Amino acid sequence: MLKRLFSSAYFLALIALALLSLWPLQLPASLNGLGWDKLAHFLFYFGLLLLGNSVWTKKRNNLYFSLALGLLLECLQDLSPYRQFDYWDLAANTIGALMGYYLLRKYSLFQ
Protein backbone atom coordinates (compact mmCIF):
# COMPACT_ATOMS: atom_id res chain seq x y z
CA MET A 1 0.00 0.00 0.00
CA LEU A 2 2.75 2.45 0.99
CA LYS A 3 4.83 1.47 -2.03
CA ARG A 4 1.88 2.20 -4.33
CA LEU A 5 1.45 5.61 -2.70
CA PHE A 6 5.13 6.48 -3.23
CA SER A 7 5.01 5.17 -6.79
CA SER A 8 1.98 7.34 -7.56
CA ALA A 9 3.68 10.34 -5.98
CA TYR A 10 6.79 9.66 -8.09
CA PHE A 11 4.87 9.65 -11.37
CA LEU A 12 2.91 12.76 -10.38
CA ALA A 13 6.21 14.46 -9.51
CA LEU A 14 7.59 13.52 -12.94
CA ILE A 15 4.59 15.12 -14.63
CA ALA A 16 4.80 18.22 -12.43
CA LEU A 17 8.54 18.51 -13.08
CA ALA A 18 8.07 18.33 -16.85
CA LEU A 19 5.27 20.91 -16.78
CA LEU A 20 7.09 23.30 -14.47
CA SER A 21 10.29 22.97 -16.49
CA LEU A 22 8.73 23.65 -19.87
CA TRP A 23 5.79 25.93 -19.05
CA PRO A 24 6.42 29.67 -19.44
CA LEU A 25 6.79 30.80 -15.81
CA GLN A 26 8.16 34.03 -14.44
CA LEU A 27 9.41 34.45 -10.89
CA PRO A 28 8.11 37.50 -9.04
CA ALA A 29 10.59 40.38 -9.18
CA SER A 30 11.11 40.15 -5.42
CA LEU A 31 12.49 36.59 -5.78
CA ASN A 32 14.77 37.14 -8.78
CA GLY A 33 18.44 36.85 -7.99
CA LEU A 34 17.98 35.31 -4.55
CA GLY A 35 18.71 31.72 -5.58
CA TRP A 36 15.20 30.43 -4.95
CA ASP A 37 15.15 28.97 -8.42
CA LYS A 38 18.29 26.91 -7.77
CA LEU A 39 16.98 25.77 -4.40
CA ALA A 40 13.76 24.63 -6.07
CA HIS A 41 15.78 22.67 -8.66
CA PHE A 42 17.86 21.05 -5.92
CA LEU A 43 14.85 20.12 -3.78
CA PHE A 44 12.79 18.78 -6.68
CA TYR A 45 15.52 16.44 -7.92
CA PHE A 46 16.43 15.43 -4.36
CA GLY A 47 12.78 14.52 -3.70
CA LEU A 48 12.40 12.87 -7.08
CA LEU A 49 15.35 10.60 -6.34
CA LEU A 50 13.92 9.65 -2.94
CA LEU A 51 10.47 8.92 -4.39
CA GLY A 52 12.02 6.97 -7.25
CA ASN A 53 13.54 4.58 -4.75
CA SER A 54 10.16 2.86 -4.49
CA VAL A 55 9.84 2.44 -8.26
CA TRP A 56 13.24 1.46 -9.64
CA THR A 57 14.45 -2.09 -9.00
CA LYS A 58 18.02 -1.19 -9.98
CA LYS A 59 18.62 1.79 -7.73
CA ARG A 60 21.52 3.16 -9.73
CA ASN A 61 19.16 3.45 -12.73
CA ASN A 62 17.06 5.81 -10.59
CA LEU A 63 20.09 8.09 -10.35
CA TYR A 64 20.93 7.79 -14.05
CA PHE A 65 17.33 8.54 -15.03
CA SER A 66 17.17 11.60 -12.76
CA LEU A 67 20.45 12.96 -14.14
CA ALA A 68 19.39 12.32 -17.75
CA LEU A 69 15.98 13.88 -17.12
CA GLY A 70 17.60 17.03 -15.72
CA LEU A 71 19.80 17.34 -18.79
CA LEU A 72 16.94 16.58 -21.20
CA LEU A 73 14.60 19.14 -19.65
CA GLU A 74 17.31 21.82 -19.69
CA CYS A 75 17.99 21.07 -23.37
CA LEU A 76 14.27 21.23 -24.16
CA GLN A 77 14.09 24.59 -22.40
CA ASP A 78 16.73 25.86 -24.79
CA LEU A 79 14.39 25.03 -27.69
CA SER A 80 11.54 26.94 -26.08
CA PRO A 81 10.97 30.63 -26.82
CA TYR A 82 10.11 31.24 -23.13
CA ARG A 83 12.93 29.43 -21.36
CA GLN A 84 16.67 28.96 -21.73
CA PHE A 85 19.31 26.39 -20.90
CA ASP A 86 21.03 27.24 -17.62
CA TYR A 87 24.17 25.47 -16.44
CA TRP A 88 23.44 26.49 -12.85
CA ASP A 89 20.00 24.89 -13.04
CA LEU A 90 21.63 21.73 -14.37
CA ALA A 91 24.16 21.85 -11.54
CA ALA A 92 21.38 22.21 -8.95
CA ASN A 93 19.47 19.30 -10.54
CA THR A 94 22.58 17.13 -10.48
CA ILE A 95 23.56 17.99 -6.92
CA GLY A 96 20.01 17.34 -5.71
CA ALA A 97 19.91 13.91 -7.36
CA LEU A 98 23.40 13.00 -6.12
CA MET A 99 22.58 14.08 -2.56
CA GLY A 100 19.39 12.00 -2.61
CA TYR A 101 21.32 8.99 -3.87
CA TYR A 102 24.03 9.53 -1.25
CA LEU A 103 21.44 9.75 1.52
CA LEU A 104 19.80 6.51 0.42
CA ARG A 105 23.15 4.73 0.21
CA LYS A 106 24.55 6.10 3.48
CA TYR A 107 21.53 5.18 5.55
CA SER A 108 20.84 1.91 3.72
CA LEU A 109 17.40 3.03 2.69
CA PHE A 110 17.46 0.92 -0.45
CA GLN A 111 14.68 -1.63 -0.41
C-alpha atoms as a PDB file:
ATOM      1  CA  MET A   1       0.000   0.000   0.000  1.00  0.00           C
ATOM      2  CA  LEU A   2       2.746   2.451   0.986  1.00  0.00           C
ATOM      3  CA  LYS A   3       4.835   1.470  -2.035  1.00  0.00           C
ATOM      4  CA  ARG A   4       1.875   2.201  -4.326  1.00  0.00           C
ATOM      5  CA  LEU A   5       1.446   5.606  -2.697  1.00  0.00           C
ATOM      6  CA  PHE A   6       5.127   6.478  -3.226  1.00  0.00           C
ATOM      7  CA  SER A   7       5.012   5.165  -6.794  1.00  0.00           C
ATOM      8  CA  SER A   8       1.983   7.340  -7.558  1.00  0.00           C
ATOM      9  CA  ALA A   9       3.679  10.341  -5.979  1.00  0.00           C
ATOM     10  CA  TYR A  10       6.787   9.656  -8.094  1.00  0.00           C
ATOM     11  CA  PHE A  11       4.866   9.648 -11.366  1.00  0.00           C
ATOM     12  CA  LEU A  12       2.908  12.764 -10.379  1.00  0.00           C
ATOM     13  CA  ALA A  13       6.209  14.456  -9.507  1.00  0.00           C
ATOM     14  CA  LEU A  14       7.588  13.523 -12.935  1.00  0.00           C
ATOM     15  CA  ILE A  15       4.586  15.121 -14.631  1.00  0.00           C
ATOM     16  CA  ALA A  16       4.797  18.217 -12.434  1.00  0.00           C
ATOM     17  CA  LEU A  17       8.537  18.511 -13.081  1.00  0.00           C
ATOM     18  CA  ALA A  18       8.073  18.329 -16.851  1.00  0.00           C
ATOM     19  CA  LEU A  19       5.266  20.906 -16.783  1.00  0.00           C
ATOM     20  CA  LEU A  20       7.094  23.302 -14.473  1.00  0.00           C
ATOM     21  CA  SER A  21      10.288  22.975 -16.489  1.00  0.00           C
ATOM     22  CA  LEU A  22       8.728  23.653 -19.867  1.00  0.00           C
ATOM     23  CA  TRP A  23       5.795  25.933 -19.047  1.00  0.00           C
ATOM     24  CA  PRO A  24       6.421  29.674 -19.439  1.00  0.00           C
ATOM     25  CA  LEU A  25       6.793  30.798 -15.815  1.00  0.00           C
ATOM     26  CA  GLN A  26       8.159  34.028 -14.440  1.00  0.00           C
ATOM     27  CA  LEU A  27       9.413  34.446 -10.892  1.00  0.00           C
ATOM     28  CA  PRO A  28       8.109  37.501  -9.041  1.00  0.00           C
ATOM     29  CA  ALA A  29      10.586  40.375  -9.180  1.00  0.00           C
ATOM     30  CA  SER A  30      11.113  40.150  -5.421  1.00  0.00           C
ATOM     31  CA  LEU A  31      12.494  36.588  -5.781  1.00  0.00           C
ATOM     32  CA  ASN A  32      14.765  37.140  -8.778  1.00  0.00           C
ATOM     33  CA  GLY A  33      18.443  36.854  -7.992  1.00  0.00           C
ATOM     34  CA  LEU A  34      17.975  35.312  -4.552  1.00  0.00           C
ATOM     35  CA  GLY A  35      18.711  31.724  -5.582  1.00  0.00           C
ATOM     36  CA  TRP A  36      15.195  30.432  -4.946  1.00  0.00           C
ATOM     37  CA  ASP A  37      15.147  28.965  -8.425  1.00  0.00           C
ATOM     38  CA  LYS A  38      18.289  26.907  -7.775  1.00  0.00           C
ATOM     39  CA  LEU A  39      16.979  25.772  -4.399  1.00  0.00           C
ATOM     40  CA  ALA A  40      13.764  24.627  -6.075  1.00  0.00           C
ATOM     41  CA  HIS A  41      15.775  22.667  -8.660  1.00  0.00           C
ATOM     42  CA  PHE A  42      17.856  21.046  -5.918  1.00  0.00           C
ATOM     43  CA  LEU A  43      14.846  20.118  -3.779  1.00  0.00           C
ATOM     44  CA  PHE A  44      12.794  18.782  -6.681  1.00  0.00           C
ATOM     45  CA  TYR A  45      15.522  16.442  -7.921  1.00  0.00           C
ATOM     46  CA  PHE A  46      16.426  15.434  -4.360  1.00  0.00           C
ATOM     47  CA  GLY A  47      12.782  14.519  -3.699  1.00  0.00           C
ATOM     48  CA  LEU A  48      12.401  12.866  -7.080  1.00  0.00           C
ATOM     49  CA  LEU A  49      15.350  10.595  -6.343  1.00  0.00           C
ATOM     50  CA  LEU A  50      13.921   9.654  -2.943  1.00  0.00           C
ATOM     51  CA  LEU A  51      10.474   8.924  -4.388  1.00  0.00           C
ATOM     52  CA  GLY A  52      12.020   6.971  -7.250  1.00  0.00           C
ATOM     53  CA  ASN A  53      13.536   4.579  -4.752  1.00  0.00           C
ATOM     54  CA  SER A  54      10.156   2.860  -4.488  1.00  0.00           C
ATOM     55  CA  VAL A  55       9.839   2.438  -8.264  1.00  0.00           C
ATOM     56  CA  TRP A  56      13.237   1.460  -9.639  1.00  0.00           C
ATOM     57  CA  THR A  57      14.453  -2.087  -9.003  1.00  0.00           C
ATOM     58  CA  LYS A  58      18.020  -1.188  -9.981  1.00  0.00           C
ATOM     59  CA  LYS A  59      18.619   1.793  -7.730  1.00  0.00           C
ATOM     60  CA  ARG A  60      21.519   3.163  -9.731  1.00  0.00           C
ATOM     61  CA  ASN A  61      19.156   3.452 -12.726  1.00  0.00           C
ATOM     62  CA  ASN A  62      17.057   5.813 -10.594  1.00  0.00           C
ATOM     63  CA  LEU A  63      20.088   8.086 -10.350  1.00  0.00           C
ATOM     64  CA  TYR A  64      20.926   7.792 -14.047  1.00  0.00           C
ATOM     65  CA  PHE A  65      17.332   8.538 -15.026  1.00  0.00           C
ATOM     66  CA  SER A  66      17.174  11.598 -12.759  1.00  0.00           C
ATOM     67  CA  LEU A  67      20.445  12.955 -14.142  1.00  0.00           C
ATOM     68  CA  ALA A  68      19.391  12.319 -17.747  1.00  0.00           C
ATOM     69  CA  LEU A  69      15.982  13.881 -17.117  1.00  0.00           C
ATOM     70  CA  GLY A  70      17.597  17.026 -15.721  1.00  0.00           C
ATOM     71  CA  LEU A  71      19.796  17.341 -18.795  1.00  0.00           C
ATOM     72  CA  LEU A  72      16.942  16.579 -21.200  1.00  0.00           C
ATOM     73  CA  LEU A  73      14.602  19.145 -19.652  1.00  0.00           C
ATOM     74  CA  GLU A  74      17.309  21.816 -19.688  1.00  0.00           C
ATOM     75  CA  CYS A  75      17.989  21.071 -23.373  1.00  0.00           C
ATOM     76  CA  LEU A  76      14.273  21.229 -24.159  1.00  0.00           C
ATOM     77  CA  GLN A  77      14.088  24.586 -22.399  1.00  0.00           C
ATOM     78  CA  ASP A  78      16.732  25.857 -24.791  1.00  0.00           C
ATOM     79  CA  LEU A  79      14.392  25.026 -27.689  1.00  0.00           C
ATOM     80  CA  SER A  80      11.538  26.938 -26.079  1.00  0.00           C
ATOM     81  CA  PRO A  81      10.971  30.626 -26.823  1.00  0.00           C
ATOM     82  CA  TYR A  82      10.113  31.244 -23.125  1.00  0.00           C
ATOM     83  CA  ARG A  83      12.931  29.431 -21.361  1.00  0.00           C
ATOM     84  CA  GLN A  84      16.675  28.961 -21.731  1.00  0.00           C
ATOM     85  CA  PHE A  85      19.314  26.389 -20.899  1.00  0.00           C
ATOM     86  CA  ASP A  86      21.027  27.243 -17.616  1.00  0.00           C
ATOM     87  CA  TYR A  87      24.168  25.467 -16.438  1.00  0.00           C
ATOM     88  CA  TRP A  88      23.437  26.495 -12.847  1.00  0.00           C
ATOM     89  CA  ASP A  89      19.996  24.886 -13.038  1.00  0.00           C
ATOM     90  CA  LEU A  90      21.631  21.728 -14.373  1.00  0.00           C
ATOM     91  CA  ALA A  91      24.161  21.845 -11.539  1.00  0.00           C
ATOM     92  CA  ALA A  92      21.381  22.207  -8.950  1.00  0.00           C
ATOM     93  CA  ASN A  93      19.467  19.303 -10.539  1.00  0.00           C
ATOM     94  CA  THR A  94      22.582  17.126 -10.483  1.00  0.00           C
ATOM     95  CA  ILE A  95      23.561  17.987  -6.917  1.00  0.00           C
ATOM     96  CA  GLY A  96      20.008  17.342  -5.714  1.00  0.00           C
ATOM     97  CA  ALA A  97      19.910  13.911  -7.362  1.00  0.00           C
ATOM     98  CA  LEU A  98      23.396  13.003  -6.117  1.00  0.00           C
ATOM     99  CA  MET A  99      22.580  14.080  -2.560  1.00  0.00           C
ATOM    100  CA  GLY A 100      19.385  11.998  -2.607  1.00  0.00           C
ATOM    101  CA  TYR A 101      21.322   8.991  -3.866  1.00  0.00           C
ATOM    102  CA  TYR A 102      24.031   9.531  -1.253  1.00  0.00           C
ATOM    103  CA  LEU A 103      21.441   9.753   1.524  1.00  0.00           C
ATOM    104  CA  LEU A 104      19.798   6.511   0.417  1.00  0.00           C
ATOM    105  CA  ARG A 105      23.154   4.730   0.210  1.00  0.00           C
ATOM    106  CA  LYS A 106      24.549   6.098   3.480  1.00  0.00           C
ATOM    107  CA  TYR A 107      21.529   5.178   5.553  1.00  0.00           C
ATOM    108  CA  SER A 108      20.840   1.912   3.716  1.00  0.00           C
ATOM    109  CA  LEU A 109      17.397   3.035   2.690  1.00  0.00           C
ATOM    110  CA  PHE A 110      17.455   0.923  -0.445  1.00  0.00           C
ATOM    111  CA  GLN A 111      14.676  -1.631  -0.410  1.00  0.00           C
END
